[in-house]
Amino acid sequence: MSSIQYEVYESINNIKKNEWDNVVENSKISSFFHCYDWQKVLEEGKRLEPRHIVAINNDNIISIFPNYVTSVKDTPFKRLYSICPGYGGPIILSSDERDILDGMYKMVPGICRGNIFSHYVNPYDLSYARYGSFLRKNDYIPHFACRFVIDLNENIEDISNNMIHQKRRNIKKCESIEVIDKEIDKNSLSDFHIHHNNVMKDVGGQGHPEAFFTSMHKHIPENVKIFEAVCNGVPSGQIMFFLDPYKNTVHKFFSGIERKYLKANPTDIIVWQSLNWAKENGFRYYDFGPTEDDFCNGIFRHKSGFGGQTIPIIMWEKVFSRARWKIVEVLRKMYRKL
């Protein structure tokens, strides 16, 4: 193991695309969100600060651990995150998995200094559960969420029958609504940015910069789908999906359906039409994206109504400064009272 070197890269541009993607393409636990081009979108479009940990053997990259320094809302502090938006975690292509995992995580404390108070890892594949004991021994604490996934190998009638009655009724009522598969170009992505930001304003959230969406045209045009509902000739909302060749999955990801259009139920008809599109185009899974593990939560109830299987998401966080963590909690409480 003496020949293994560990490096932290502050730009994906300093890493060769073929070497990075070779690791992604040869791993069973990787997803689209690990690929080189998604890192380009995050770095160029969102202006995130990369801190990618890479294991190198004989000048060849054998393992990757994508990470970004991200801001913590309403505080002056930051967090090291793998990956957001999307899913991350380390990918190790070596029989020395245990030693390399340990070596990569030993690089993290050197990054989490100053105002970077914690490290947060957000894996997609359930195979990451194998690292649970290692992470707990290294003072990482688990957090839980979930996602709903439909197996597209089922016939379309069974998929429909697995939905709650309200969803099936909404889809039936919305049959007159046209759903358009939009061409992915800078104009359509810029337009989606406007709608998505309006959605985030409606819910008091924070949107993404326009460059984040428009950079998708440059780096991942074949992995992006936008479906738009048109009701009585009026555009009534859009949803962005990501096509994941590594997981053979269509990810329902960003909403561009503003509150003023919700009464027409455009979400349900877009889901139904995009689900059919995914099945017809050979995808195995349709993923509704992450949500809180709270059955009382409105988003949880909405997504579960489509009848997908509930898949747990186990995220891990290590706090490197309890003092800074307490300040973050105080600032959050103050903000909520405003």
Protein backbone atom coordinates (compact mmCIF):
# COMPACT_ATOMS: atom_id res chain seq x y z
CA MET A 1 0.00 0.00 0.00
CA SER A 2 3.04 2.30 0.17
CA SER A 3 2.59 3.18 -3.51
CA ILE A 4 -0.89 4.66 -2.93
CA GLN A 5 -0.96 8.45 -2.91
CA TYR A 6 -3.87 10.67 -1.90
CA GLU A 7 -4.46 14.07 -3.42
CA VAL A 8 -7.07 16.80 -2.91
CA TYR A 9 -8.02 18.60 -6.12
CA GLU A 10 -9.63 22.03 -6.03
CA SER A 11 -10.88 21.80 -9.61
CA ILE A 12 -12.16 18.94 -11.73
CA ASN A 13 -10.22 20.56 -14.59
CA ASN A 14 -7.01 19.34 -12.96
CA ILE A 15 -8.12 15.72 -13.39
CA LYS A 16 -8.26 13.85 -16.69
CA LYS A 17 -11.83 13.08 -17.72
CA ASN A 18 -11.06 9.56 -18.95
CA GLU A 19 -9.32 8.61 -15.70
CA TRP A 20 -12.13 9.95 -13.50
CA ASP A 21 -14.90 8.38 -15.58
CA ASN A 22 -13.04 5.08 -15.78
CA VAL A 23 -13.60 4.72 -12.04
CA VAL A 24 -17.26 5.71 -12.36
CA GLU A 25 -17.94 3.38 -15.29
CA ASN A 26 -16.33 0.35 -13.64
CA SER A 27 -18.10 0.58 -10.29
CA LYS A 28 -21.41 -1.04 -9.41
CA ILE A 29 -22.28 1.68 -6.89
CA SER A 30 -21.69 4.78 -9.01
CA SER A 31 -24.45 6.98 -10.38
CA PHE A 32 -24.77 9.72 -12.98
CA PHE A 33 -24.03 12.26 -10.24
CA HIS A 34 -20.50 10.86 -9.88
CA CYS A 35 -19.57 11.42 -13.53
CA TYR A 36 -17.00 13.98 -14.63
CA ASP A 37 -19.47 16.14 -16.54
CA TRP A 38 -21.78 16.56 -13.54
CA GLN A 39 -18.78 17.82 -11.58
CA LYS A 40 -18.20 20.34 -14.37
CA VAL A 41 -21.80 21.55 -14.04
CA LEU A 42 -21.46 21.97 -10.27
CA GLU A 43 -18.13 23.76 -10.50
CA GLU A 44 -18.86 26.02 -13.46
CA GLY A 45 -22.61 26.49 -13.07
CA LYS A 46 -23.03 26.70 -9.29
CA ARG A 47 -19.54 28.02 -8.58
CA LEU A 48 -19.03 25.40 -5.88
CA GLU A 49 -15.54 24.92 -4.48
CA PRO A 50 -14.32 21.36 -5.19
CA ARG A 51 -12.25 19.37 -2.72
CA HIS A 52 -12.11 16.09 -4.60
CA ILE A 53 -10.13 13.36 -2.84
CA VAL A 54 -8.40 10.98 -5.24
CA ALA A 55 -6.36 7.83 -4.64
CA ILE A 56 -3.56 7.27 -7.14
CA ASN A 57 -1.51 4.13 -7.78
CA ASN A 58 1.33 4.13 -10.32
CA ASP A 59 0.04 7.40 -11.78
CA ASN A 60 -3.44 5.92 -12.28
CA ILE A 61 -6.56 7.07 -10.46
CA ILE A 62 -8.05 4.05 -8.69
CA SER A 63 -10.57 5.74 -6.38
CA ILE A 64 -12.47 9.02 -6.21
CA PHE A 65 -14.36 10.89 -3.51
CA PRO A 66 -16.09 14.02 -4.91
CA ASN A 67 -16.65 16.79 -2.36
CA TYR A 68 -17.61 20.46 -2.39
CA VAL A 69 -17.41 23.30 0.08
CA THR A 70 -20.99 24.58 0.38
CA SER A 71 -22.53 27.46 2.29
CA VAL A 72 -24.83 26.85 5.25
CA LYS A 73 -27.91 29.02 4.81
CA ASP A 74 -28.17 32.10 7.05
CA THR A 75 -24.77 31.52 8.68
CA PRO A 76 -21.16 32.50 7.91
CA PHE A 77 -20.15 28.83 8.07
CA LYS A 78 -19.60 26.18 5.42
CA ARG A 79 -19.88 22.42 5.09
CA LEU A 80 -17.92 19.89 3.05
CA TYR A 81 -20.60 18.05 1.06
CA SER A 82 -20.53 14.95 -1.15
CA ILE A 83 -22.57 15.80 -3.37
CA CYS A 84 -25.29 18.48 -3.49
CA PRO A 85 -27.36 18.65 -5.58
CA GLY A 86 -27.18 14.98 -6.39
CA TYR A 87 -25.65 12.01 -4.62
CA GLY A 88 -22.04 11.30 -3.74
CA GLY A 89 -19.77 9.18 -1.61
CA PRO A 90 -16.46 7.48 -2.42
CA ILE A 91 -15.95 5.02 -5.27
CA ILE A 92 -13.11 2.57 -4.75
CA LEU A 93 -11.71 0.37 -7.53
CA SER A 94 -9.22 -1.74 -5.63
CA SER A 95 -9.00 -4.96 -3.67
CA ASP A 96 -7.49 -2.83 -0.89
CA GLU A 97 -10.89 -1.26 -0.25
CA ARG A 98 -10.51 -0.99 3.52
CA ASP A 99 -7.12 0.74 3.43
CA ILE A 100 -8.11 3.12 0.64
CA LEU A 101 -11.39 4.03 2.35
CA ASP A 102 -9.43 4.81 5.50
CA GLY A 103 -6.82 6.77 3.54
CA MET A 104 -9.41 8.90 1.76
CA TYR A 105 -11.32 9.75 4.93
CA LYS A 106 -8.06 10.67 6.67
CA MET A 107 -7.77 13.53 4.18
CA VAL A 108 -11.05 15.09 5.34
CA PRO A 109 -9.89 16.72 8.64
CA GLY A 110 -7.27 18.68 6.73
CA ILE A 111 -10.05 20.16 4.59
CA CYS A 112 -12.56 20.84 7.38
CA ARG A 113 -10.78 23.78 8.98
CA GLY A 114 -11.60 27.44 9.53
CA ASN A 115 -15.28 28.03 8.90
CA ILE A 116 -15.89 24.52 7.46
CA PHE A 117 -17.48 22.85 10.46
CA SER A 118 -18.68 19.46 9.17
CA HIS A 119 -18.49 16.80 6.47
CA TYR A 120 -21.75 15.48 4.99
CA VAL A 121 -21.90 12.42 2.72
CA ASN A 122 -25.07 11.76 0.70
CA PRO A 123 -24.86 8.33 -1.02
CA TYR A 124 -27.40 6.96 -3.49
CA ASP A 125 -26.72 3.24 -3.62
CA LEU A 126 -27.74 1.11 -0.62
CA SER A 127 -24.42 -0.72 -0.95
CA TYR A 128 -22.88 2.20 0.94
CA ALA A 129 -24.48 0.69 4.06
CA ARG A 130 -21.44 -1.60 4.14
CA TYR A 131 -19.40 1.39 5.35
CA GLY A 132 -21.68 2.03 8.34
CA SER A 133 -19.45 0.46 10.98
CA PHE A 134 -16.37 2.25 9.62
CA LEU A 135 -18.15 5.61 9.62
CA ARG A 136 -19.53 5.23 13.14
CA LYS A 137 -16.06 4.35 14.43
CA ASN A 138 -14.85 7.58 12.83
CA ASP A 139 -17.54 9.65 14.59
CA TYR A 140 -19.92 10.03 11.65
CA ILE A 141 -23.60 10.20 12.61
CA PRO A 142 -26.33 8.80 10.34
CA HIS A 143 -29.24 10.88 9.06
CA PHE A 144 -32.17 9.37 7.24
CA ALA A 145 -34.37 10.25 4.28
CA CYS A 146 -36.00 8.17 1.56
CA ARG A 147 -36.92 8.03 -2.09
CA PHE A 148 -39.72 6.31 -4.00
CA VAL A 149 -38.82 4.14 -6.97
CA ILE A 150 -41.04 2.46 -9.58
CA ASP A 151 -39.76 -0.68 -11.29
CA LEU A 152 -40.50 -0.13 -14.97
CA ASN A 153 -40.28 -3.85 -15.69
CA GLU A 154 -43.84 -4.03 -14.37
CA ASN A 155 -46.55 -3.64 -16.99
CA ILE A 156 -48.11 -0.20 -17.21
CA GLU A 157 -51.50 -1.40 -15.93
CA ASP A 158 -49.94 -2.72 -12.71
CA ILE A 159 -47.99 0.52 -12.28
CA SER A 160 -51.24 2.47 -12.59
CA ASN A 161 -53.10 0.14 -10.22
CA ASN A 162 -50.39 0.62 -7.57
CA MET A 163 -51.17 4.35 -7.45
CA ILE A 164 -53.69 5.67 -4.97
CA HIS A 165 -57.16 6.39 -6.33
CA GLN A 166 -56.64 10.17 -6.22
CA LYS A 167 -53.59 9.98 -8.48
CA ARG A 168 -55.36 7.79 -11.02
CA ARG A 169 -58.34 10.14 -11.01
CA ASN A 170 -56.13 13.21 -11.47
CA ILE A 171 -54.37 11.58 -14.41
CA LYS A 172 -57.70 10.67 -15.98
CA LYS A 173 -59.01 14.23 -15.56
CA CYS A 174 -55.82 15.67 -17.08
CA GLU A 175 -55.83 13.60 -20.27
CA SER A 176 -56.67 16.75 -22.26
CA ILE A 177 -53.48 18.44 -21.02
CA GLU A 178 -50.68 18.23 -23.56
CA VAL A 179 -47.25 17.21 -22.28
CA ILE A 180 -44.34 18.46 -24.39
CA ASP A 181 -40.87 16.92 -24.45
CA LYS A 182 -38.84 20.12 -24.70
CA GLU A 183 -35.67 20.43 -26.72
CA ILE A 184 -32.67 20.91 -24.46
CA ASP A 185 -30.90 24.12 -25.40
CA LYS A 186 -29.81 27.28 -23.61
CA ASN A 187 -33.19 28.94 -24.13
CA SER A 188 -35.22 26.07 -22.67
CA LEU A 189 -32.81 25.73 -19.74
CA SER A 190 -32.90 29.48 -19.08
CA ASP A 191 -36.70 29.36 -19.20
CA PHE A 192 -36.73 26.46 -16.75
CA HIS A 193 -34.50 28.46 -14.39
CA ILE A 194 -37.15 31.21 -14.25
CA HIS A 195 -39.95 28.77 -13.41
CA HIS A 196 -37.86 26.85 -10.87
CA ASN A 197 -36.79 30.02 -9.08
CA ASN A 198 -40.43 31.11 -8.88
CA VAL A 199 -41.26 27.75 -7.30
CA MET A 200 -38.50 28.20 -4.74
CA LYS A 201 -39.76 31.70 -3.92
CA ASP A 202 -43.26 30.26 -3.41
CA VAL A 203 -41.94 27.86 -0.75
CA GLY A 204 -39.39 30.22 0.80
CA GLY A 205 -36.46 28.22 -0.53
CA GLN A 206 -33.29 29.13 -2.37
CA GLY A 207 -33.01 28.49 -6.11
CA HIS A 208 -30.00 27.86 -8.29
CA PRO A 209 -28.20 30.37 -10.53
CA GLU A 210 -29.12 30.49 -14.20
CA ALA A 211 -25.61 29.37 -15.12
CA PHE A 212 -26.20 26.10 -13.28
CA PHE A 213 -28.98 25.19 -15.70
CA THR A 214 -27.51 26.64 -18.88
CA SER A 215 -24.19 24.83 -18.28
CA MET A 216 -26.13 21.57 -18.60
CA HIS A 217 -26.45 22.27 -22.32
CA LYS A 218 -22.68 22.39 -22.60
CA HIS A 219 -21.83 19.37 -20.47
CA ILE A 220 -24.79 16.97 -20.08
CA PRO A 221 -27.42 17.71 -22.79
CA GLU A 222 -28.10 14.02 -23.37
CA ASN A 223 -28.75 13.43 -19.66
CA VAL A 224 -31.41 16.13 -19.23
CA LYS A 225 -35.14 15.97 -19.97
CA ILE A 226 -37.71 18.71 -19.47
CA PHE A 227 -41.40 17.89 -19.78
CA GLU A 228 -43.87 20.79 -19.90
CA ALA A 229 -47.64 20.68 -19.35
CA VAL A 230 -49.76 22.84 -21.67
CA CYS A 231 -53.36 23.39 -20.54
CA ASN A 232 -55.75 25.00 -23.05
CA GLY A 233 -52.78 26.35 -24.96
CA VAL A 234 -51.19 27.87 -21.84
CA PRO A 235 -47.82 26.54 -20.55
CA SER A 236 -48.63 25.35 -17.03
CA GLY A 237 -45.38 24.13 -15.51
CA GLN A 238 -42.29 22.04 -16.16
CA ILE A 239 -40.32 19.30 -14.46
CA MET A 240 -36.63 18.53 -15.05
CA PHE A 241 -35.39 14.94 -15.09
CA PHE A 242 -31.91 13.43 -15.22
CA LEU A 243 -31.19 10.29 -17.25
CA ASP A 244 -28.78 8.02 -15.39
CA PRO A 245 -27.11 5.37 -17.61
CA TYR A 246 -25.20 3.91 -14.65
CA LYS A 247 -28.37 3.08 -12.71
CA ASN A 248 -30.61 2.76 -15.79
CA THR A 249 -32.83 5.26 -14.03
CA VAL A 250 -34.85 8.38 -14.78
CA HIS A 251 -34.54 10.79 -11.84
CA LYS A 252 -37.41 13.24 -11.33
CA PHE A 253 -35.44 16.12 -9.87
CA PHE A 254 -36.31 19.83 -10.18
CA SER A 255 -39.81 21.30 -10.28
CA GLY A 256 -40.82 24.27 -12.39
CA ILE A 257 -44.52 24.11 -11.52
CA GLU A 258 -45.55 27.34 -9.87
CA ARG A 259 -48.30 27.57 -7.27
CA LYS A 260 -50.70 29.33 -9.64
CA TYR A 261 -50.80 26.20 -11.86
CA LEU A 262 -51.26 23.55 -9.16
CA LYS A 263 -55.06 23.38 -9.38
CA ALA A 264 -54.76 21.87 -12.86
CA ASN A 265 -52.63 19.00 -11.42
CA PRO A 266 -49.88 19.32 -14.05
CA THR A 267 -47.45 17.36 -11.86
CA ASP A 268 -49.52 14.18 -12.01
CA ILE A 269 -49.92 14.18 -15.78
CA ILE A 270 -46.23 15.03 -16.34
CA VAL A 271 -45.27 12.15 -14.05
CA TRP A 272 -47.56 9.78 -15.92
CA GLN A 273 -46.35 10.80 -19.37
CA SER A 274 -42.67 10.86 -18.38
CA LEU A 275 -43.06 7.49 -16.68
CA ASN A 276 -44.44 6.05 -19.91
CA TRP A 277 -41.61 7.70 -21.85
CA ALA A 278 -39.03 6.14 -19.51
CA LYS A 279 -40.56 2.69 -19.90
CA GLU A 280 -40.79 2.97 -23.69
CA ASN A 281 -37.15 4.09 -23.88
CA GLY A 282 -35.79 1.10 -22.00
CA PHE A 283 -35.12 2.52 -18.54
CA ARG A 284 -35.49 0.11 -15.60
CA TYR A 285 -36.33 2.54 -12.80
CA TYR A 286 -38.22 5.79 -12.27
CA ASP A 287 -37.00 7.63 -9.17
CA PHE A 288 -39.03 10.42 -7.56
CA GLY A 289 -36.02 11.90 -5.77
CA PRO A 290 -35.21 12.38 -2.09
CA THR A 291 -37.73 13.37 0.56
CA GLU A 292 -37.97 13.44 4.34
CA ASP A 293 -38.67 10.13 6.08
CA ASP A 294 -41.88 11.55 7.55
CA PHE A 295 -45.19 10.04 6.45
CA CYS A 296 -46.97 13.22 7.63
CA ASN A 297 -44.91 15.38 5.28
CA GLY A 298 -46.88 16.65 2.27
CA ILE A 299 -44.12 15.88 -0.24
CA PHE A 300 -43.76 12.37 1.20
CA ARG A 301 -47.50 11.74 0.80
CA HIS A 302 -47.49 13.17 -2.73
CA LYS A 303 -44.63 10.97 -3.92
CA SER A 304 -45.81 7.84 -2.12
CA GLY A 305 -49.18 8.20 -3.84
CA PHE A 306 -47.62 7.02 -7.11
CA GLY A 307 -47.03 3.59 -5.60
CA GLY A 308 -43.26 3.27 -5.81
CA GLN A 309 -41.14 1.23 -3.44
CA THR A 310 -39.78 3.15 -0.45
CA ILE A 311 -35.97 3.09 -0.51
CA PRO A 312 -34.06 4.45 2.51
CA ILE A 313 -31.30 7.01 2.10
CA ILE A 314 -28.61 6.86 4.78
CA MET A 315 -26.54 10.04 4.95
CA TRP A 316 -23.55 10.57 7.22
CA GLU A 317 -22.21 13.66 8.94
CA LYS A 318 -19.19 14.36 11.10
CA VAL A 319 -18.95 17.62 13.04
CA PHE A 320 -15.39 18.86 13.42
CA SER A 321 -16.14 21.82 15.68
CA ARG A 322 -18.87 21.54 18.31
CA ALA A 323 -18.45 25.23 19.10
CA ARG A 324 -19.14 26.23 15.50
CA TRP A 325 -22.01 23.73 15.33
CA LYS A 326 -23.67 25.36 18.34
CA ILE A 327 -23.33 28.77 16.69
CA VAL A 328 -24.95 27.39 13.53
CA GLU A 329 -27.89 26.06 15.56
CA VAL A 330 -28.32 29.40 17.37
CA LEU A 331 -28.27 31.34 14.08
CA ARG A 332 -30.83 28.97 12.56
CA LYS A 333 -33.18 29.40 15.52
CA MET A 334 -32.81 33.18 15.33
CA TYR A 335 -33.61 33.11 11.60
CA ARG A 336 -36.73 30.98 12.12
CA LYS A 337 -38.04 33.52 14.65
CA LEU A 338 -37.67 36.44 12.22
